[in-house]
All heavy atoms as atom14 arrays in JSON, in Angstrom:
{
  "sequence": "ATRAYDTANPSFTGTVTGAVNGDKFTESFATTATTTSNAGTYPITPSV",
  "atom14_mask": [
    [1, 1, 1, 1, 1, 0, 0, 0, 0, 0, 0, 0, 0, 0],
    [1, 1, 1, 1, 1, 1, 1, 0, 0, 0, 0, 0, 0, 0],
    [1, 1, 1, 1, 1, 1, 1, 1, 1, 1, 1, 0, 0, 0],
    [1, 1, 1, 1, 1, 0, 0, 0, 0, 0, 0, 0, 0, 0],
    [1, 1, 1, 1, 1, 1, 1, 1, 1, 1, 1, 1, 0, 0],
    [1, 1, 1, 1, 1, 1, 1, 1, 0, 0, 0, 0, 0, 0],
    [1, 1, 1, 1, 1, 1, 1, 0, 0, 0, 0, 0, 0, 0],
    [1, 1, 1, 1, 1, 0, 0, 0, 0, 0, 0, 0, 0, 0],
    [1, 1, 1, 1, 1, 1, 1, 1, 0, 0, 0, 0, 0, 0],
    [1, 1, 1, 1, 1, 1, 1, 0, 0, 0, 0, 0, 0, 0],
    [1, 1, 1, 1, 1, 1, 0, 0, 0, 0, 0, 0, 0, 0],
    [1, 1, 1, 1, 1, 1, 1, 1, 1, 1, 1, 0, 0, 0],
    [1, 1, 1, 1, 1, 1, 1, 0, 0, 0, 0, 0, 0, 0],
    [1, 1, 1, 1, 0, 0, 0, 0, 0, 0, 0, 0, 0, 0],
    [1, 1, 1, 1, 1, 1, 1, 0, 0, 0, 0, 0, 0, 0],
    [1, 1, 1, 1, 1, 1, 1, 0, 0, 0, 0, 0, 0, 0],
    [1, 1, 1, 1, 1, 1, 1, 0, 0, 0, 0, 0, 0, 0],
    [1, 1, 1, 1, 0, 0, 0, 0, 0, 0, 0, 0, 0, 0],
    [1, 1, 1, 1, 1, 0, 0, 0, 0, 0, 0, 0, 0, 0],
    [1, 1, 1, 1, 1, 1, 1, 0, 0, 0, 0, 0, 0, 0],
    [1, 1, 1, 1, 1, 1, 1, 1, 0, 0, 0, 0, 0, 0],
    [1, 1, 1, 1, 0, 0, 0, 0, 0, 0, 0, 0, 0, 0],
    [1, 1, 1, 1, 1, 1, 1, 1, 0, 0, 0, 0, 0, 0],
    [1, 1, 1, 1, 1, 1, 1, 1, 1, 0, 0, 0, 0, 0],
    [1, 1, 1, 1, 1, 1, 1, 1, 1, 1, 1, 0, 0, 0],
    [1, 1, 1, 1, 1, 1, 1, 0, 0, 0, 0, 0, 0, 0],
    [1, 1, 1, 1, 1, 1, 1, 1, 1, 0, 0, 0, 0, 0],
    [1, 1, 1, 1, 1, 1, 0, 0, 0, 0, 0, 0, 0, 0],
    [1, 1, 1, 1, 1, 1, 1, 1, 1, 1, 1, 0, 0, 0],
    [1, 1, 1, 1, 1, 0, 0, 0, 0, 0, 0, 0, 0, 0],
    [1, 1, 1, 1, 1, 1, 1, 0, 0, 0, 0, 0, 0, 0],
    [1, 1, 1, 1, 1, 1, 1, 0, 0, 0, 0, 0, 0, 0],
    [1, 1, 1, 1, 1, 0, 0, 0, 0, 0, 0, 0, 0, 0],
    [1, 1, 1, 1, 1, 1, 1, 0, 0, 0, 0, 0, 0, 0],
    [1, 1, 1, 1, 1, 1, 1, 0, 0, 0, 0, 0, 0, 0],
    [1, 1, 1, 1, 1, 1, 1, 0, 0, 0, 0, 0, 0, 0],
    [1, 1, 1, 1, 1, 1, 0, 0, 0, 0, 0, 0, 0, 0],
    [1, 1, 1, 1, 1, 1, 1, 1, 0, 0, 0, 0, 0, 0],
    [1, 1, 1, 1, 1, 0, 0, 0, 0, 0, 0, 0, 0, 0],
    [1, 1, 1, 1, 0, 0, 0, 0, 0, 0, 0, 0, 0, 0],
    [1, 1, 1, 1, 1, 1, 1, 0, 0, 0, 0, 0, 0, 0],
    [1, 1, 1, 1, 1, 1, 1, 1, 1, 1, 1, 1, 0, 0],
    [1, 1, 1, 1, 1, 1, 1, 0, 0, 0, 0, 0, 0, 0],
    [1, 1, 1, 1, 1, 1, 1, 1, 0, 0, 0, 0, 0, 0],
    [1, 1, 1, 1, 1, 1, 1, 0, 0, 0, 0, 0, 0, 0],
    [1, 1, 1, 1, 1, 1, 1, 0, 0, 0, 0, 0, 0, 0],
    [1, 1, 1, 1, 1, 1, 0, 0, 0, 0, 0, 0, 0, 0],
    [1, 1, 1, 1, 1, 1, 1, 0, 0, 0, 0, 0, 0, 0]
  ],
  "atom14_positions": [
    [[-11.36, 5.29, 8.15], [-12.44, 4.43, 8.71], [-12.02, 4.1, 10.2], [-10.85, 4.22, 10.54], [-12.54, 3.15, 7.98], [0.0, 0.0, 0.0], [0.0, 0.0, 0.0], [0.0, 0.0, 0.0], [0.0, 0.0, 0.0], [0.0, 0.0, 0.0], [0.0, 0.0, 0.0], [0.0, 0.0, 0.0], [0.0, 0.0, 0.0], [0.0, 0.0, 0.0]],
    [[-12.93, 3.66, 10.88], [-12.69, 3.31, 12.34], [-13.46, 1.99, 12.68], [-14.48, 1.68, 12.11], [-13.22, 4.33, 13.3], [-12.58, 5.6, 12.91], [-12.93, 4.08, 14.7], [0.0, 0.0, 0.0], [0.0, 0.0, 0.0], [0.0, 0.0, 0.0], [0.0, 0.0, 0.0], [0.0, 0.0, 0.0], [0.0, 0.0, 0.0], [0.0, 0.0, 0.0]],
    [[-12.8, 1.16, 13.49], [-13.43, -0.06, 14.05], [-12.86, -0.42, 15.39], [-11.73, 0.05, 15.76], [-13.29, -1.22, 13.09], [-11.96, -1.84, 12.94], [-11.86, -3.16, 12.3], [-10.61, -3.72, 12.09], [-9.85, -4.38, 12.92], [-10.35, -4.57, 14.2], [-8.67, -4.86, 12.65], [0.0, 0.0, 0.0], [0.0, 0.0, 0.0], [0.0, 0.0, 0.0]],
    [[-13.52, -1.22, 16.07], [-13.0, -1.7, 17.39], [-12.16, -2.96, 17.26], [-12.24, -3.62, 16.23], [-14.21, -1.97, 18.28], [0.0, 0.0, 0.0], [0.0, 0.0, 0.0], [0.0, 0.0, 0.0], [0.0, 0.0, 0.0], [0.0, 0.0, 0.0], [0.0, 0.0, 0.0], [0.0, 0.0, 0.0], [0.0, 0.0, 0.0], [0.0, 0.0, 0.0]],
    [[-11.33, -3.11, 18.16], [-10.42, -4.31, 18.23], [-11.27, -5.62, 18.2], [-12.41, -5.56, 18.76], [-9.61, -4.27, 19.49], [-8.83, -5.53, 19.75], [-7.67, -5.84, 19.06], [-9.25, -6.47, 20.67], [-7.01, -7.03, 19.18], [-8.57, -7.63, 20.95], [-7.44, -7.94, 20.23], [-6.76, -9.13, 20.44], [0.0, 0.0, 0.0], [0.0, 0.0, 0.0]],
    [[-10.79, -6.6, 17.55], [-11.42, -7.88, 17.5], [-12.7, -7.86, 16.78], [-13.67, -8.64, 16.98], [-11.6, -8.49, 18.92], [-11.78, -10.03, 18.89], [-11.22, -10.64, 17.92], [-12.55, -10.59, 19.75], [0.0, 0.0, 0.0], [0.0, 0.0, 0.0], [0.0, 0.0, 0.0], [0.0, 0.0, 0.0], [0.0, 0.0, 0.0], [0.0, 0.0, 0.0]],
    [[-12.87, -6.97, 15.79], [-13.97, -6.91, 14.82], [-13.47, -6.86, 13.42], [-12.28, -6.53, 13.19], [-14.95, -5.75, 15.08], [-14.18, -4.5, 14.85], [-15.42, -5.72, 16.5], [0.0, 0.0, 0.0], [0.0, 0.0, 0.0], [0.0, 0.0, 0.0], [0.0, 0.0, 0.0], [0.0, 0.0, 0.0], [0.0, 0.0, 0.0], [0.0, 0.0, 0.0]],
    [[-14.37, -7.29, 12.52], [-13.87, -7.32, 11.06], [-13.67, -5.85, 10.59], [-14.28, -4.84, 11.07], [-14.92, -8.04, 10.25], [0.0, 0.0, 0.0], [0.0, 0.0, 0.0], [0.0, 0.0, 0.0], [0.0, 0.0, 0.0], [0.0, 0.0, 0.0], [0.0, 0.0, 0.0], [0.0, 0.0, 0.0], [0.0, 0.0, 0.0], [0.0, 0.0, 0.0]],
    [[-12.81, -5.74, 9.57], [-12.65, -4.51, 8.95], [-13.94, -4.07, 8.23], [-14.64, -4.95, 7.66], [-11.52, -4.52, 7.94], [-10.14, -4.64, 8.48], [-9.86, -4.18, 9.64], [-9.26, -5.29, 7.8], [0.0, 0.0, 0.0], [0.0, 0.0, 0.0], [0.0, 0.0, 0.0], [0.0, 0.0, 0.0], [0.0, 0.0, 0.0], [0.0, 0.0, 0.0]],
    [[-14.25, -2.77, 8.22], [-15.45, -2.3, 7.5], [-15.23, -2.37, 6.01], [-14.02, -2.52, 5.58], [-15.6, -0.86, 8.07], [-14.31, -0.43, 8.4], [-13.53, -1.64, 8.91], [0.0, 0.0, 0.0], [0.0, 0.0, 0.0], [0.0, 0.0, 0.0], [0.0, 0.0, 0.0], [0.0, 0.0, 0.0], [0.0, 0.0, 0.0], [0.0, 0.0, 0.0]],
    [[-16.22, -2.09, 5.21], [-16.06, -1.9, 3.75], [-15.42, -0.52, 3.55], [-15.93, 0.48, 3.97], [-17.3, -2.05, 3.08], [-17.86, -3.36, 3.22], [0.0, 0.0, 0.0], [0.0, 0.0, 0.0], [0.0, 0.0, 0.0], [0.0, 0.0, 0.0], [0.0, 0.0, 0.0], [0.0, 0.0, 0.0], [0.0, 0.0, 0.0], [0.0, 0.0, 0.0]],
    [[-14.28, -0.47, 2.96], [-13.57, 0.74, 2.73], [-14.21, 1.47, 1.53], [-14.64, 0.79, 0.58], [-12.1, 0.54, 2.56], [-11.42, -0.13, 3.74], [-10.72, -1.26, 3.57], [-11.51, 0.42, 4.97], [-10.08, -1.83, 4.66], [-10.93, -0.19, 6.04], [-10.17, -1.25, 5.97], [0.0, 0.0, 0.0], [0.0, 0.0, 0.0], [0.0, 0.0, 0.0]],
    [[-14.11, 2.77, 1.51], [-14.61, 3.6, 0.4], [-13.51, 4.59, -0.02], [-12.58, 4.81, 0.75], [-15.89, 4.34, 0.77], [-15.64, 5.17, 1.87], [-16.96, 3.38, 1.1], [0.0, 0.0, 0.0], [0.0, 0.0, 0.0], [0.0, 0.0, 0.0], [0.0, 0.0, 0.0], [0.0, 0.0, 0.0], [0.0, 0.0, 0.0], [0.0, 0.0, 0.0]],
    [[-13.71, 5.21, -1.09], [-12.79, 6.24, -1.61], [-13.39, 6.99, -2.76], [-14.49, 6.79, -3.15], [0.0, 0.0, 0.0], [0.0, 0.0, 0.0], [0.0, 0.0, 0.0], [0.0, 0.0, 0.0], [0.0, 0.0, 0.0], [0.0, 0.0, 0.0], [0.0, 0.0, 0.0], [0.0, 0.0, 0.0], [0.0, 0.0, 0.0], [0.0, 0.0, 0.0]],
    [[-12.54, 7.8, -3.38], [-12.97, 8.62, -4.53], [-11.87, 8.48, -5.62], [-10.7, 8.39, -5.34], [-13.21, 10.13, -4.19], [-11.97, 10.59, -3.6], [-14.35, 10.24, -3.18], [0.0, 0.0, 0.0], [0.0, 0.0, 0.0], [0.0, 0.0, 0.0], [0.0, 0.0, 0.0], [0.0, 0.0, 0.0], [0.0, 0.0, 0.0], [0.0, 0.0, 0.0]],
    [[-12.36, 8.62, -6.84], [-11.49, 8.7, -8.0], [-11.88, 10.0, -8.73], [-13.04, 10.18, -9.11], [-11.65, 7.54, -8.97], [-10.81, 7.68, -10.19], [-11.29, 6.23, -8.21], [0.0, 0.0, 0.0], [0.0, 0.0, 0.0], [0.0, 0.0, 0.0], [0.0, 0.0, 0.0], [0.0, 0.0, 0.0], [0.0, 0.0, 0.0], [0.0, 0.0, 0.0]],
    [[-10.87, 10.88, -8.87], [-11.12, 12.07, -9.6], [-10.19, 12.26, -10.76], [-9.0, 11.8, -10.73], [-11.03, 13.33, -8.67], [-9.73, 13.29, -8.03], [-12.05, 13.3, -7.57], [0.0, 0.0, 0.0], [0.0, 0.0, 0.0], [0.0, 0.0, 0.0], [0.0, 0.0, 0.0], [0.0, 0.0, 0.0], [0.0, 0.0, 0.0], [0.0, 0.0, 0.0]],
    [[-10.62, 12.85, -11.89], [-9.83, 13.12, -12.99], [-10.07, 12.28, -14.22], [-9.41, 12.43, -15.25], [0.0, 0.0, 0.0], [0.0, 0.0, 0.0], [0.0, 0.0, 0.0], [0.0, 0.0, 0.0], [0.0, 0.0, 0.0], [0.0, 0.0, 0.0], [0.0, 0.0, 0.0], [0.0, 0.0, 0.0], [0.0, 0.0, 0.0], [0.0, 0.0, 0.0]],
    [[-11.13, 11.32, -14.14], [-11.47, 10.54, -15.27], [-12.0, 11.41, -16.34], [-12.84, 12.37, -16.13], [-12.51, 9.46, -14.89], [0.0, 0.0, 0.0], [0.0, 0.0, 0.0], [0.0, 0.0, 0.0], [0.0, 0.0, 0.0], [0.0, 0.0, 0.0], [0.0, 0.0, 0.0], [0.0, 0.0, 0.0], [0.0, 0.0, 0.0], [0.0, 0.0, 0.0]],
    [[-11.67, 11.13, -17.65], [-12.09, 11.91, -18.76], [-12.58, 10.89, -19.83], [-12.4, 9.69, -19.74], [-11.06, 12.85, -19.32], [-10.68, 13.93, -18.33], [-9.82, 12.02, -19.77], [0.0, 0.0, 0.0], [0.0, 0.0, 0.0], [0.0, 0.0, 0.0], [0.0, 0.0, 0.0], [0.0, 0.0, 0.0], [0.0, 0.0, 0.0], [0.0, 0.0, 0.0]],
    [[-13.18, 11.48, -20.86], [-13.53, 10.68, -22.05], [-14.54, 9.52, -21.71], [-14.55, 8.56, -22.52], [-12.24, 10.18, -22.83], [-12.57, 9.73, -24.2], [-13.35, 10.34, -24.96], [-11.88, 8.69, -24.63], [0.0, 0.0, 0.0], [0.0, 0.0, 0.0], [0.0, 0.0, 0.0], [0.0, 0.0, 0.0], [0.0, 0.0, 0.0], [0.0, 0.0, 0.0]],
    [[-15.26, 9.66, -20.66], [-16.19, 8.58, -20.29], [-15.57, 7.32, -19.72], [-16.21, 6.31, -19.53], [0.0, 0.0, 0.0], [0.0, 0.0, 0.0], [0.0, 0.0, 0.0], [0.0, 0.0, 0.0], [0.0, 0.0, 0.0], [0.0, 0.0, 0.0], [0.0, 0.0, 0.0], [0.0, 0.0, 0.0], [0.0, 0.0, 0.0], [0.0, 0.0, 0.0]],
    [[-14.28, 7.41, -19.37], [-13.64, 6.23, -18.84], [-14.17, 5.9, -17.38], [-14.47, 6.84, -16.64], [-12.08, 6.43, -18.69], [-11.46, 6.59, -20.11], [-12.08, 6.1, -21.05], [-10.38, 7.2, -20.19], [0.0, 0.0, 0.0], [0.0, 0.0, 0.0], [0.0, 0.0, 0.0], [0.0, 0.0, 0.0], [0.0, 0.0, 0.0], [0.0, 0.0, 0.0]],
    [[-14.3, 4.61, -17.09], [-14.86, 4.22, -15.82], [-13.86, 3.4, -15.04], [-13.05, 2.74, -15.58], [-16.1, 3.25, -16.05], [-17.21, 3.86, -16.89], [-17.8, 5.09, -16.21], [-19.01, 5.6, -17.07], [-19.65, 6.81, -16.36], [0.0, 0.0, 0.0], [0.0, 0.0, 0.0], [0.0, 0.0, 0.0], [0.0, 0.0, 0.0], [0.0, 0.0, 0.0]],
    [[-13.74, 3.69, -13.71], [-12.78, 3.08, -12.88], [-13.45, 2.55, -11.65], [-14.48, 2.99, -11.11], [-11.67, 4.13, -12.45], [-11.01, 4.61, -13.65], [-11.25, 5.89, -14.21], [-9.91, 3.92, -14.17], [-10.55, 6.39, -15.29], [-9.16, 4.36, -15.27], [-9.53, 5.65, -15.84], [0.0, 0.0, 0.0], [0.0, 0.0, 0.0], [0.0, 0.0, 0.0]],
    [[-12.78, 1.48, -11.06], [-13.25, 0.86, -9.83], [-12.13, 0.85, -8.86], [-11.0, 0.37, -9.19], [-13.65, -0.64, -10.13], [-14.71, -0.61, -11.15], [-14.25, -1.24, -8.89], [0.0, 0.0, 0.0], [0.0, 0.0, 0.0], [0.0, 0.0, 0.0], [0.0, 0.0, 0.0], [0.0, 0.0, 0.0], [0.0, 0.0, 0.0], [0.0, 0.0, 0.0]],
    [[-12.35, 1.32, -7.69], [-11.32, 1.39, -6.64], [-11.31, 0.04, -5.85], [-12.42, -0.56, -5.7], [-11.57, 2.44, -5.65], [-12.02, 3.85, -6.25], [-13.45, 4.07, -6.15], [-14.19, 3.37, -6.75], [-13.87, 4.9, -5.35], [0.0, 0.0, 0.0], [0.0, 0.0, 0.0], [0.0, 0.0, 0.0], [0.0, 0.0, 0.0], [0.0, 0.0, 0.0]],
    [[-10.21, -0.3, -5.32], [-10.11, -1.42, -4.34], [-9.12, -0.98, -3.23], [-8.41, 0.02, -3.43], [-9.59, -2.71, -5.0], [-8.42, -2.44, -5.61], [0.0, 0.0, 0.0], [0.0, 0.0, 0.0], [0.0, 0.0, 0.0], [0.0, 0.0, 0.0], [0.0, 0.0, 0.0], [0.0, 0.0, 0.0], [0.0, 0.0, 0.0], [0.0, 0.0, 0.0]],
    [[-9.22, -1.56, -2.07], [-8.45, -1.05, -0.94], [-7.84, -2.23, -0.16], [-8.42, -3.3, -0.19], [-9.36, -0.33, -0.03], [-10.16, 0.8, -0.65], [-11.43, 0.59, -1.2], [-9.61, 2.07, -0.73], [-12.1, 1.59, -1.83], [-10.28, 3.05, -1.46], [-11.57, 2.82, -1.97], [0.0, 0.0, 0.0], [0.0, 0.0, 0.0], [0.0, 0.0, 0.0]],
    [[-6.67, -1.95, 0.42], [-5.96, -3.06, 1.19], [-5.51, -2.39, 2.47], [-5.24, -1.15, 2.53], [-4.78, -3.59, 0.44], [0.0, 0.0, 0.0], [0.0, 0.0, 0.0], [0.0, 0.0, 0.0], [0.0, 0.0, 0.0], [0.0, 0.0, 0.0], [0.0, 0.0, 0.0], [0.0, 0.0, 0.0], [0.0, 0.0, 0.0], [0.0, 0.0, 0.0]],
    [[-5.39, -3.19, 3.57], [-4.78, -2.67, 4.76], [-4.11, -3.89, 5.44], [-4.38, -5.07, 5.17], [-5.89, -2.15, 5.75], [-5.25, -1.66, 6.89], [-6.87, -3.19, 6.16], [0.0, 0.0, 0.0], [0.0, 0.0, 0.0], [0.0, 0.0, 0.0], [0.0, 0.0, 0.0], [0.0, 0.0, 0.0], [0.0, 0.0, 0.0], [0.0, 0.0, 0.0]],
    [[-3.14, -3.62, 6.3], [-2.38, -4.62, 6.97], [-3.15, -5.07, 8.25], [-2.72, -6.05, 8.87], [-0.98, -4.13, 7.39], [-1.09, -2.91, 8.1], [-0.11, -3.88, 6.08], [0.0, 0.0, 0.0], [0.0, 0.0, 0.0], [0.0, 0.0, 0.0], [0.0, 0.0, 0.0], [0.0, 0.0, 0.0], [0.0, 0.0, 0.0], [0.0, 0.0, 0.0]],
    [[-4.15, -4.33, 8.65], [-4.9, -4.67, 9.9], [-5.73, -5.91, 9.72], [-6.47, -6.02, 8.72], [-5.77, -3.44, 10.32], [0.0, 0.0, 0.0], [0.0, 0.0, 0.0], [0.0, 0.0, 0.0], [0.0, 0.0, 0.0], [0.0, 0.0, 0.0], [0.0, 0.0, 0.0], [0.0, 0.0, 0.0], [0.0, 0.0, 0.0], [0.0, 0.0, 0.0]],
    [[-5.61, -6.75, 10.69], [-6.51, -7.98, 10.74], [-7.41, -7.8, 11.91], [-7.37, -6.84, 12.76], [-5.68, -9.22, 10.85], [-4.98, -9.22, 12.08], [-4.7, -9.36, 9.68], [0.0, 0.0, 0.0], [0.0, 0.0, 0.0], [0.0, 0.0, 0.0], [0.0, 0.0, 0.0], [0.0, 0.0, 0.0], [0.0, 0.0, 0.0], [0.0, 0.0, 0.0]],
    [[-8.35, -8.76, 12.09], [-9.29, -8.73, 13.19], [-8.53, -8.58, 14.54], [-9.05, -7.86, 15.48], [-10.12, -10.05, 13.2], [-10.78, -10.06, 11.94], [-11.17, -9.96, 14.35], [0.0, 0.0, 0.0], [0.0, 0.0, 0.0], [0.0, 0.0, 0.0], [0.0, 0.0, 0.0], [0.0, 0.0, 0.0], [0.0, 0.0, 0.0], [0.0, 0.0, 0.0]],
    [[-7.38, -9.24, 14.7], [-6.77, -9.25, 15.95], [-5.59, -8.19, 16.1], [-4.79, -8.26, 16.98], [-6.17, -10.68, 16.23], [-5.33, -11.03, 15.18], [-7.28, -11.71, 16.35], [0.0, 0.0, 0.0], [0.0, 0.0, 0.0], [0.0, 0.0, 0.0], [0.0, 0.0, 0.0], [0.0, 0.0, 0.0], [0.0, 0.0, 0.0], [0.0, 0.0, 0.0]],
    [[-5.56, -7.31, 15.18], [-4.47, -6.33, 15.2], [-4.71, -5.35, 16.36], [-5.88, -5.12, 16.74], [-4.47, -5.46, 13.92], [-4.09, -6.23, 12.79], [0.0, 0.0, 0.0], [0.0, 0.0, 0.0], [0.0, 0.0, 0.0], [0.0, 0.0, 0.0], [0.0, 0.0, 0.0], [0.0, 0.0, 0.0], [0.0, 0.0, 0.0], [0.0, 0.0, 0.0]],
    [[-3.62, -5.0, 17.02], [-3.69, -4.13, 18.24], [-4.31, -2.8, 17.9], [-4.38, -2.38, 16.68], [-2.36, -3.95, 18.79], [-1.71, -5.22, 19.33], [-2.47, -6.06, 19.79], [-0.37, -5.25, 19.34], [0.0, 0.0, 0.0], [0.0, 0.0, 0.0], [0.0, 0.0, 0.0], [0.0, 0.0, 0.0], [0.0, 0.0, 0.0], [0.0, 0.0, 0.0]],
    [[-4.88, -2.23, 18.89], [-5.41, -0.8, 18.76], [-4.36, 0.08, 18.13], [-3.18, -0.03, 18.56], [-5.96, -0.26, 20.06], [0.0, 0.0, 0.0], [0.0, 0.0, 0.0], [0.0, 0.0, 0.0], [0.0, 0.0, 0.0], [0.0, 0.0, 0.0], [0.0, 0.0, 0.0], [0.0, 0.0, 0.0], [0.0, 0.0, 0.0], [0.0, 0.0, 0.0]],
    [[-4.7, 0.92, 17.26], [-3.75, 1.88, 16.6], [-4.25, 2.31, 15.27], [-5.45, 2.13, 14.96], [0.0, 0.0, 0.0], [0.0, 0.0, 0.0], [0.0, 0.0, 0.0], [0.0, 0.0, 0.0], [0.0, 0.0, 0.0], [0.0, 0.0, 0.0], [0.0, 0.0, 0.0], [0.0, 0.0, 0.0], [0.0, 0.0, 0.0], [0.0, 0.0, 0.0]],
    [[-3.33, 2.85, 14.41], [-3.7, 3.32, 13.15], [-2.91, 2.56, 12.08], [-1.76, 2.42, 12.19], [-3.33, 4.88, 13.02], [-4.03, 5.59, 14.09], [-3.69, 5.41, 11.73], [0.0, 0.0, 0.0], [0.0, 0.0, 0.0], [0.0, 0.0, 0.0], [0.0, 0.0, 0.0], [0.0, 0.0, 0.0], [0.0, 0.0, 0.0], [0.0, 0.0, 0.0]],
    [[-3.67, 2.13, 11.05], [-3.17, 1.41, 9.97], [-3.45, 2.07, 8.61], [-4.6, 2.61, 8.5], [-3.73, -0.03, 9.99], [-3.39, -0.76, 11.32], [-4.19, -0.58, 12.41], [-2.28, -1.58, 11.35], [-3.91, -1.25, 13.61], [-2.02, -2.33, 12.6], [-2.82, -2.02, 13.68], [-2.55, -2.73, 14.85], [0.0, 0.0, 0.0], [0.0, 0.0, 0.0]],
    [[-2.53, 1.98, 7.65], [-2.87, 2.59, 6.33], [-3.99, 1.83, 5.58], [-3.96, 0.61, 5.63], [-1.55, 2.63, 5.62], [-0.79, 1.4, 6.26], [-1.27, 1.36, 7.64], [0.0, 0.0, 0.0], [0.0, 0.0, 0.0], [0.0, 0.0, 0.0], [0.0, 0.0, 0.0], [0.0, 0.0, 0.0], [0.0, 0.0, 0.0], [0.0, 0.0, 0.0]],
    [[-4.78, 2.56, 4.87], [-5.72, 2.03, 3.88], [-5.15, 2.41, 2.57], [-5.18, 3.59, 2.2], [-7.11, 2.55, 4.11], [-7.69, 2.26, 5.51], [-8.07, 1.95, 3.02], [-8.93, 2.98, 5.77], [0.0, 0.0, 0.0], [0.0, 0.0, 0.0], [0.0, 0.0, 0.0], [0.0, 0.0, 0.0], [0.0, 0.0, 0.0], [0.0, 0.0, 0.0]],
    [[-4.65, 1.48, 1.82], [-3.99, 1.74, 0.49], [-4.96, 1.54, -0.62], [-5.46, 0.41, -0.84], [-2.73, 0.88, 0.3], [-1.92, 0.96, 1.47], [-1.97, 1.2, -0.92], [0.0, 0.0, 0.0], [0.0, 0.0, 0.0], [0.0, 0.0, 0.0], [0.0, 0.0, 0.0], [0.0, 0.0, 0.0], [0.0, 0.0, 0.0], [0.0, 0.0, 0.0]],
    [[-5.19, 2.57, -1.44], [-6.19, 2.39, -2.52], [-5.47, 1.94, -3.84], [-4.22, 2.2, -4.01], [-6.79, 3.85, -2.7], [-5.56, 4.64, -2.35], [-4.8, 3.96, -1.24], [0.0, 0.0, 0.0], [0.0, 0.0, 0.0], [0.0, 0.0, 0.0], [0.0, 0.0, 0.0], [0.0, 0.0, 0.0], [0.0, 0.0, 0.0], [0.0, 0.0, 0.0]],
    [[-6.15, 1.29, -4.69], [-5.73, 1.04, -6.11], [-6.89, 1.19, -6.97], [-8.03, 1.28, -6.5], [-5.08, -0.38, -6.11], [-6.0, -1.36, -5.86], [0.0, 0.0, 0.0], [0.0, 0.0, 0.0], [0.0, 0.0, 0.0], [0.0, 0.0, 0.0], [0.0, 0.0, 0.0], [0.0, 0.0, 0.0], [0.0, 0.0, 0.0], [0.0, 0.0, 0.0]],
    [[-6.66, 1.12, -8.29], [-7.76, 1.35, -9.22], [-7.57, 0.55, -10.49], [-6.38, 0.27, -10.87], [-7.79, 2.87, -9.61], [-6.49, 3.35, -10.4], [-9.01, 3.24, -10.41], [0.0, 0.0, 0.0], [0.0, 0.0, 0.0], [0.0, 0.0, 0.0], [0.0, 0.0, 0.0], [0.0, 0.0, 0.0], [0.0, 0.0, 0.0], [0.0, 0.0, 0.0]]
  ]
}
């Protein structure tokens, strides 16, 4: 994802592959970047 400095983080998206037997999963995402984080690249860490 991409955003400009001093703006809110966008809604992150992702994919889950490998589910079997009709199991359902919901992804969530975290990042260390805040609105005032300097320009640069920050990890988006997924969980399920």
